[in-house]
Amino acid sequence: PYPVWQAEPFPDEGGAGTDDVEAAIAELGRYLAATGNATETLAPSQGHELPTAPHDPVAASYVLAAATPGLVPHHQALLETPGAGDRLREVRATFRREAALMRALGAGVGGAATDVSPN
């Protein structure tokens, strides 16, 4: 009388350790520094620290994948990556690439990324 769906668990293979999570968070910090956001919100000299992720590497890989800059298809591809280890490697590569783009474009230097025209 009604549709029934049969689901299978997603194969989350290729484990990751806490070192992988810490490396991805470090890349997030470098990305934030490249955008100029880290200097105001995460200055270690003022007692601020990088954001924390869940202790579970699988959960952390999903949280960090959702935090990456990009369009929906890129986010979806990251979230569909099987295995927390592979997902975290892709997240690190994304943050690294985006930070390099920000540095190349000069974003974050002198507020170039945050200046807004009143028009």
N, C-alpha and C. Protein backbone atom coordinates (compact mmCIF):
# COMPACT_ATOMS: atom_id res chain seq x y z
N PRO A 1 0.80 -1.21 0.00
CA PRO A 1 0.00 0.00 0.00
C PRO A 1 0.85 1.28 0.00
N TYR A 2 2.11 1.19 0.39
CA TYR A 2 2.97 2.38 0.39
C TYR A 2 4.39 1.94 0.02
N PRO A 3 5.20 2.85 -0.50
CA PRO A 3 6.57 2.48 -0.89
C PRO A 3 7.42 2.12 0.33
N VAL A 4 8.26 1.14 0.16
CA VAL A 4 9.18 0.71 1.21
C VAL A 4 10.60 0.83 0.67
N TRP A 5 11.46 1.41 1.45
CA TRP A 5 12.85 1.60 1.03
C TRP A 5 13.75 0.65 1.81
N GLN A 6 14.64 0.01 1.09
CA GLN A 6 15.61 -0.85 1.76
C GLN A 6 16.97 -0.15 1.67
N ALA A 7 17.53 0.15 2.81
CA ALA A 7 18.80 0.88 2.85
C ALA A 7 19.92 -0.03 3.35
N GLU A 8 21.12 0.28 2.87
CA GLU A 8 22.30 -0.43 3.34
C GLU A 8 23.23 0.59 4.00
N PRO A 9 24.00 0.17 4.98
CA PRO A 9 24.94 1.10 5.61
C PRO A 9 25.98 1.59 4.60
N PHE A 10 26.36 2.84 4.74
CA PHE A 10 27.39 3.42 3.88
C PHE A 10 28.74 2.84 4.28
N PRO A 11 29.50 2.31 3.34
CA PRO A 11 30.79 1.70 3.70
C PRO A 11 31.84 2.76 4.01
N ASP A 12 32.00 3.09 5.25
CA ASP A 12 32.96 4.12 5.65
C ASP A 12 34.29 3.44 5.98
N GLU A 13 34.99 3.06 4.92
CA GLU A 13 36.24 2.31 5.06
C GLU A 13 37.43 3.25 5.01
N GLY A 14 38.59 2.75 5.37
CA GLY A 14 39.79 3.57 5.31
C GLY A 14 39.85 4.51 6.49
N GLY A 15 40.10 3.96 7.64
CA GLY A 15 40.05 4.72 8.88
C GLY A 15 41.05 5.85 8.95
N ALA A 16 40.82 6.70 9.90
CA ALA A 16 41.69 7.84 10.16
C ALA A 16 41.98 7.88 11.64
N GLY A 17 43.08 8.49 11.98
CA GLY A 17 43.44 8.64 13.38
C GLY A 17 43.37 10.09 13.81
N THR A 18 43.70 10.33 15.06
CA THR A 18 43.65 11.70 15.57
C THR A 18 44.68 12.58 14.88
N ASP A 19 45.79 12.00 14.41
CA ASP A 19 46.79 12.79 13.69
C ASP A 19 46.20 13.36 12.40
N ASP A 20 45.36 12.57 11.72
CA ASP A 20 44.72 13.05 10.50
C ASP A 20 43.77 14.20 10.79
N VAL A 21 43.04 14.09 11.89
CA VAL A 21 42.11 15.16 12.28
C VAL A 21 42.89 16.42 12.62
N GLU A 22 43.96 16.28 13.39
CA GLU A 22 44.76 17.45 13.77
C GLU A 22 45.39 18.11 12.56
N ALA A 23 45.83 17.31 11.58
CA ALA A 23 46.40 17.88 10.35
C ALA A 23 45.36 18.66 9.57
N ALA A 24 44.13 18.15 9.51
CA ALA A 24 43.06 18.87 8.81
C ALA A 24 42.71 20.16 9.53
N ILE A 25 42.70 20.14 10.86
CA ILE A 25 42.41 21.36 11.62
C ILE A 25 43.53 22.38 11.42
N ALA A 26 44.77 21.91 11.33
CA ALA A 26 45.89 22.82 11.07
C ALA A 26 45.74 23.47 9.70
N GLU A 27 45.30 22.71 8.70
CA GLU A 27 45.06 23.30 7.37
C GLU A 27 43.93 24.32 7.43
N LEU A 28 42.90 24.03 8.24
CA LEU A 28 41.83 25.00 8.43
C LEU A 28 42.39 26.29 9.00
N GLY A 29 43.29 26.19 9.97
CA GLY A 29 43.91 27.38 10.56
C GLY A 29 44.70 28.17 9.54
N ARG A 30 45.44 27.47 8.67
CA ARG A 30 46.20 28.17 7.62
C ARG A 30 45.26 28.84 6.63
N TYR A 31 44.14 28.17 6.32
CA TYR A 31 43.15 28.77 5.42
C TYR A 31 42.56 30.03 6.05
N LEU A 32 42.20 29.96 7.33
CA LEU A 32 41.64 31.13 8.00
C LEU A 32 42.66 32.26 8.06
N ALA A 33 43.92 31.92 8.26
CA ALA A 33 44.97 32.95 8.28
C ALA A 33 45.09 33.60 6.91
N ALA A 34 44.96 32.81 5.84
CA ALA A 34 45.07 33.35 4.49
C ALA A 34 43.91 34.28 4.16
N THR A 35 42.74 34.02 4.74
CA THR A 35 41.59 34.88 4.46
C THR A 35 41.57 36.11 5.35
N GLY A 36 42.44 36.14 6.35
CA GLY A 36 42.48 37.28 7.26
C GLY A 36 41.58 37.12 8.46
N ASN A 37 40.80 36.04 8.52
CA ASN A 37 39.89 35.83 9.64
C ASN A 37 40.60 35.35 10.89
N ALA A 38 41.72 34.67 10.73
CA ALA A 38 42.41 34.11 11.89
C ALA A 38 43.04 35.20 12.74
N THR A 39 43.46 36.29 12.12
CA THR A 39 44.14 37.32 12.90
C THR A 39 43.20 38.00 13.87
N GLU A 40 41.94 38.10 13.51
CA GLU A 40 40.99 38.78 14.39
C GLU A 40 40.32 37.82 15.37
N THR A 41 40.01 36.63 14.90
CA THR A 41 39.21 35.74 15.74
C THR A 41 40.00 34.63 16.40
N LEU A 42 41.18 34.30 15.87
CA LEU A 42 41.90 33.14 16.40
C LEU A 42 43.35 33.48 16.75
N ALA A 43 43.61 34.68 17.20
CA ALA A 43 44.98 35.08 17.50
C ALA A 43 45.48 34.33 18.73
N PRO A 44 46.47 33.42 18.56
CA PRO A 44 46.98 32.66 19.70
C PRO A 44 47.59 33.57 20.77
N SER A 45 48.14 34.71 20.38
CA SER A 45 48.74 35.60 21.36
C SER A 45 47.70 36.18 22.31
N GLN A 46 46.45 36.17 21.91
CA GLN A 46 45.37 36.68 22.76
C GLN A 46 44.63 35.55 23.46
N GLY A 47 45.20 34.35 23.43
CA GLY A 47 44.59 33.23 24.13
C GLY A 47 43.54 32.48 23.32
N HIS A 48 43.38 32.80 22.04
CA HIS A 48 42.40 32.10 21.21
C HIS A 48 43.04 30.86 20.60
N GLU A 49 42.23 29.87 20.30
CA GLU A 49 42.71 28.64 19.71
C GLU A 49 41.89 28.31 18.48
N LEU A 50 42.41 27.39 17.68
CA LEU A 50 41.67 26.93 16.52
C LEU A 50 40.41 26.20 16.96
N PRO A 51 39.39 26.18 16.10
CA PRO A 51 38.18 25.44 16.46
C PRO A 51 38.49 23.97 16.69
N THR A 52 37.69 23.34 17.51
CA THR A 52 37.89 21.92 17.77
C THR A 52 36.88 21.12 16.96
N ALA A 53 37.26 19.91 16.65
CA ALA A 53 36.38 18.99 15.93
C ALA A 53 36.06 17.84 16.87
N PRO A 54 35.04 17.07 16.55
CA PRO A 54 34.73 15.91 17.39
C PRO A 54 35.94 14.98 17.51
N HIS A 55 36.02 14.26 18.61
CA HIS A 55 37.14 13.34 18.84
C HIS A 55 37.07 12.12 17.93
N ASP A 56 35.88 11.76 17.51
CA ASP A 56 35.71 10.62 16.60
C ASP A 56 36.18 11.04 15.20
N PRO A 57 37.19 10.39 14.63
CA PRO A 57 37.69 10.79 13.31
C PRO A 57 36.64 10.77 12.20
N VAL A 58 35.70 9.83 12.26
CA VAL A 58 34.66 9.78 11.23
C VAL A 58 33.77 11.01 11.34
N ALA A 59 33.31 11.33 12.54
CA ALA A 59 32.47 12.52 12.74
C ALA A 59 33.25 13.78 12.38
N ALA A 60 34.52 13.85 12.78
CA ALA A 60 35.34 15.02 12.47
C ALA A 60 35.50 15.19 10.97
N SER A 61 35.63 14.08 10.25
CA SER A 61 35.80 14.18 8.80
C SER A 61 34.56 14.78 8.15
N TYR A 62 33.38 14.44 8.65
CA TYR A 62 32.16 15.02 8.10
C TYR A 62 32.03 16.49 8.48
N VAL A 63 32.35 16.85 9.72
CA VAL A 63 32.26 18.25 10.16
C VAL A 63 33.21 19.12 9.35
N LEU A 64 34.45 18.67 9.19
CA LEU A 64 35.42 19.46 8.44
C LEU A 64 35.08 19.51 6.95
N ALA A 65 34.52 18.43 6.41
CA ALA A 65 34.10 18.44 5.00
C ALA A 65 32.99 19.46 4.79
N ALA A 66 32.09 19.56 5.74
CA ALA A 66 31.00 20.53 5.62
C ALA A 66 31.51 21.96 5.77
N ALA A 67 32.66 22.14 6.43
CA ALA A 67 33.20 23.49 6.66
C ALA A 67 34.06 23.99 5.51
N THR A 68 34.34 23.15 4.53
CA THR A 68 35.20 23.58 3.44
C THR A 68 34.48 24.60 2.56
N PRO A 69 35.25 25.55 2.01
CA PRO A 69 34.64 26.49 1.07
C PRO A 69 34.37 25.77 -0.25
N GLY A 70 33.35 26.17 -0.93
CA GLY A 70 33.07 25.57 -2.23
C GLY A 70 31.58 25.50 -2.50
N LEU A 71 31.27 25.02 -3.68
CA LEU A 71 29.89 24.90 -4.11
C LEU A 71 29.32 23.55 -3.68
N VAL A 72 28.03 23.42 -3.79
CA VAL A 72 27.33 22.21 -3.33
C VAL A 72 27.89 20.94 -3.97
N PRO A 73 28.16 20.90 -5.28
CA PRO A 73 28.69 19.65 -5.83
C PRO A 73 30.02 19.22 -5.20
N HIS A 74 30.87 20.20 -4.87
CA HIS A 74 32.15 19.87 -4.23
C HIS A 74 31.91 19.33 -2.82
N HIS A 75 31.02 19.97 -2.07
CA HIS A 75 30.69 19.48 -0.73
C HIS A 75 30.13 18.06 -0.80
N GLN A 76 29.24 17.83 -1.76
CA GLN A 76 28.63 16.51 -1.89
C GLN A 76 29.69 15.46 -2.22
N ALA A 77 30.62 15.81 -3.10
CA ALA A 77 31.69 14.86 -3.44
C ALA A 77 32.54 14.54 -2.21
N LEU A 78 32.83 15.55 -1.39
CA LEU A 78 33.59 15.30 -0.17
C LEU A 78 32.82 14.39 0.78
N LEU A 79 31.54 14.68 0.96
CA LEU A 79 30.74 13.89 1.89
C LEU A 79 30.54 12.45 1.40
N GLU A 80 30.58 12.25 0.08
CA GLU A 80 30.41 10.91 -0.48
C GLU A 80 31.71 10.11 -0.50
N THR A 81 32.83 10.74 -0.21
CA THR A 81 34.11 10.03 -0.22
C THR A 81 34.08 8.93 0.82
N PRO A 82 34.26 7.67 0.39
CA PRO A 82 34.22 6.58 1.37
C PRO A 82 35.50 6.55 2.20
N GLY A 83 35.35 6.52 3.48
CA GLY A 83 36.49 6.42 4.38
C GLY A 83 36.88 7.76 4.97
N ALA A 84 37.00 7.79 6.28
CA ALA A 84 37.35 9.02 6.97
C ALA A 84 38.75 9.48 6.60
N GLY A 85 39.68 8.55 6.41
CA GLY A 85 41.05 8.92 6.05
C GLY A 85 41.11 9.62 4.71
N ASP A 86 40.44 9.05 3.71
CA ASP A 86 40.41 9.68 2.38
C ASP A 86 39.67 11.01 2.43
N ARG A 87 38.58 11.05 3.19
CA ARG A 87 37.81 12.29 3.30
C ARG A 87 38.66 13.40 3.92
N LEU A 88 39.40 13.07 4.98
CA LEU A 88 40.25 14.08 5.62
C LEU A 88 41.39 14.52 4.70
N ARG A 89 41.94 13.61 3.89
CA ARG A 89 42.97 14.01 2.93
C ARG A 89 42.41 14.98 1.90
N GLU A 90 41.19 14.72 1.44
CA GLU A 90 40.54 15.62 0.48
C GLU A 90 40.24 16.98 1.13
N VAL A 91 39.83 16.96 2.39
CA VAL A 91 39.55 18.21 3.11
C VAL A 91 40.83 19.02 3.24
N ARG A 92 41.93 18.38 3.62
CA ARG A 92 43.21 19.09 3.74
C ARG A 92 43.62 19.68 2.41
N ALA A 93 43.46 18.92 1.33
CA ALA A 93 43.81 19.42 0.00
C ALA A 93 42.95 20.62 -0.38
N THR A 94 41.67 20.57 -0.02
CA THR A 94 40.78 21.69 -0.33
C THR A 94 41.20 22.94 0.43
N PHE A 95 41.44 22.81 1.74
CA PHE A 95 41.88 23.98 2.52
C PHE A 95 43.21 24.51 2.00
N ARG A 96 44.12 23.61 1.64
CA ARG A 96 45.44 24.02 1.13
C ARG A 96 45.28 24.80 -0.18
N ARG A 97 44.44 24.28 -1.09
CA ARG A 97 44.22 24.94 -2.38
C ARG A 97 43.55 26.30 -2.20
N GLU A 98 42.55 26.37 -1.35
CA GLU A 98 41.84 27.63 -1.13
C GLU A 98 42.74 28.67 -0.46
N ALA A 99 43.59 28.22 0.48
CA ALA A 99 44.52 29.15 1.12
C ALA A 99 45.51 29.70 0.11
N ALA A 100 46.00 28.85 -0.79
CA ALA A 100 46.93 29.30 -1.83
C ALA A 100 46.25 30.31 -2.75
N LEU A 101 44.99 30.07 -3.09
CA LEU A 101 44.25 31.02 -3.92
C LEU A 101 44.08 32.36 -3.21
N MET A 102 43.76 32.33 -1.93
CA MET A 102 43.60 33.57 -1.17
C MET A 102 44.91 34.35 -1.10
N ARG A 103 46.01 33.64 -0.87
CA ARG A 103 47.31 34.32 -0.82
C ARG A 103 47.66 34.90 -2.19
N ALA A 104 47.38 34.15 -3.26
CA ALA A 104 47.70 34.62 -4.61
C ALA A 104 46.87 35.84 -4.99
N LEU A 105 45.64 35.88 -4.53
CA LEU A 105 44.76 37.01 -4.85
C LEU A 105 44.94 38.18 -3.90
N GLY A 106 45.71 37.97 -2.84
CA GLY A 106 45.94 39.05 -1.89
C GLY A 106 44.81 39.26 -0.92
N ALA A 107 43.90 38.31 -0.82
CA ALA A 107 42.79 38.44 0.12
C ALA A 107 43.32 38.38 1.54
N GLY A 108 42.75 39.17 2.38
CA GLY A 108 43.13 39.19 3.78
C GLY A 108 44.25 40.17 4.06
N VAL A 109 44.91 40.67 3.02
CA VAL A 109 45.99 41.63 3.22
C VAL A 109 45.38 43.03 3.20
N GLY A 110 45.44 43.69 4.30
CA GLY A 110 44.89 45.04 4.38
C GLY A 110 43.38 45.07 4.27
N GLY A 111 42.73 43.96 4.52
CA GLY A 111 41.27 43.93 4.49
C GLY A 111 40.68 43.84 3.10
N ALA A 112 41.49 43.44 2.10
CA ALA A 112 41.01 43.38 0.72
C ALA A 112 39.82 42.45 0.58
N ALA A 113 39.77 41.41 1.38
CA ALA A 113 38.67 40.45 1.26
C ALA A 113 37.43 40.91 2.00
N THR A 114 37.57 41.89 2.88
CA THR A 114 36.42 42.30 3.68
C THR A 114 35.92 43.70 3.37
N ASP A 115 36.67 44.46 2.55
CA ASP A 115 36.20 45.80 2.20
C ASP A 115 34.96 45.68 1.33
N VAL A 116 33.95 46.46 1.65
CA VAL A 116 32.70 46.41 0.92
C VAL A 116 32.35 47.82 0.47
N SER A 117 31.94 47.92 -0.77
CA SER A 117 31.53 49.22 -1.30
C SER A 117 30.14 49.55 -0.79
N PRO A 118 29.89 50.81 -0.41
CA PRO A 118 28.55 51.16 0.06
C PRO A 118 27.53 51.20 -1.06
N ASN A 119 27.97 51.10 -2.31
CA ASN A 119 27.02 51.17 -3.43
C ASN A 119 26.38 49.85 -3.64
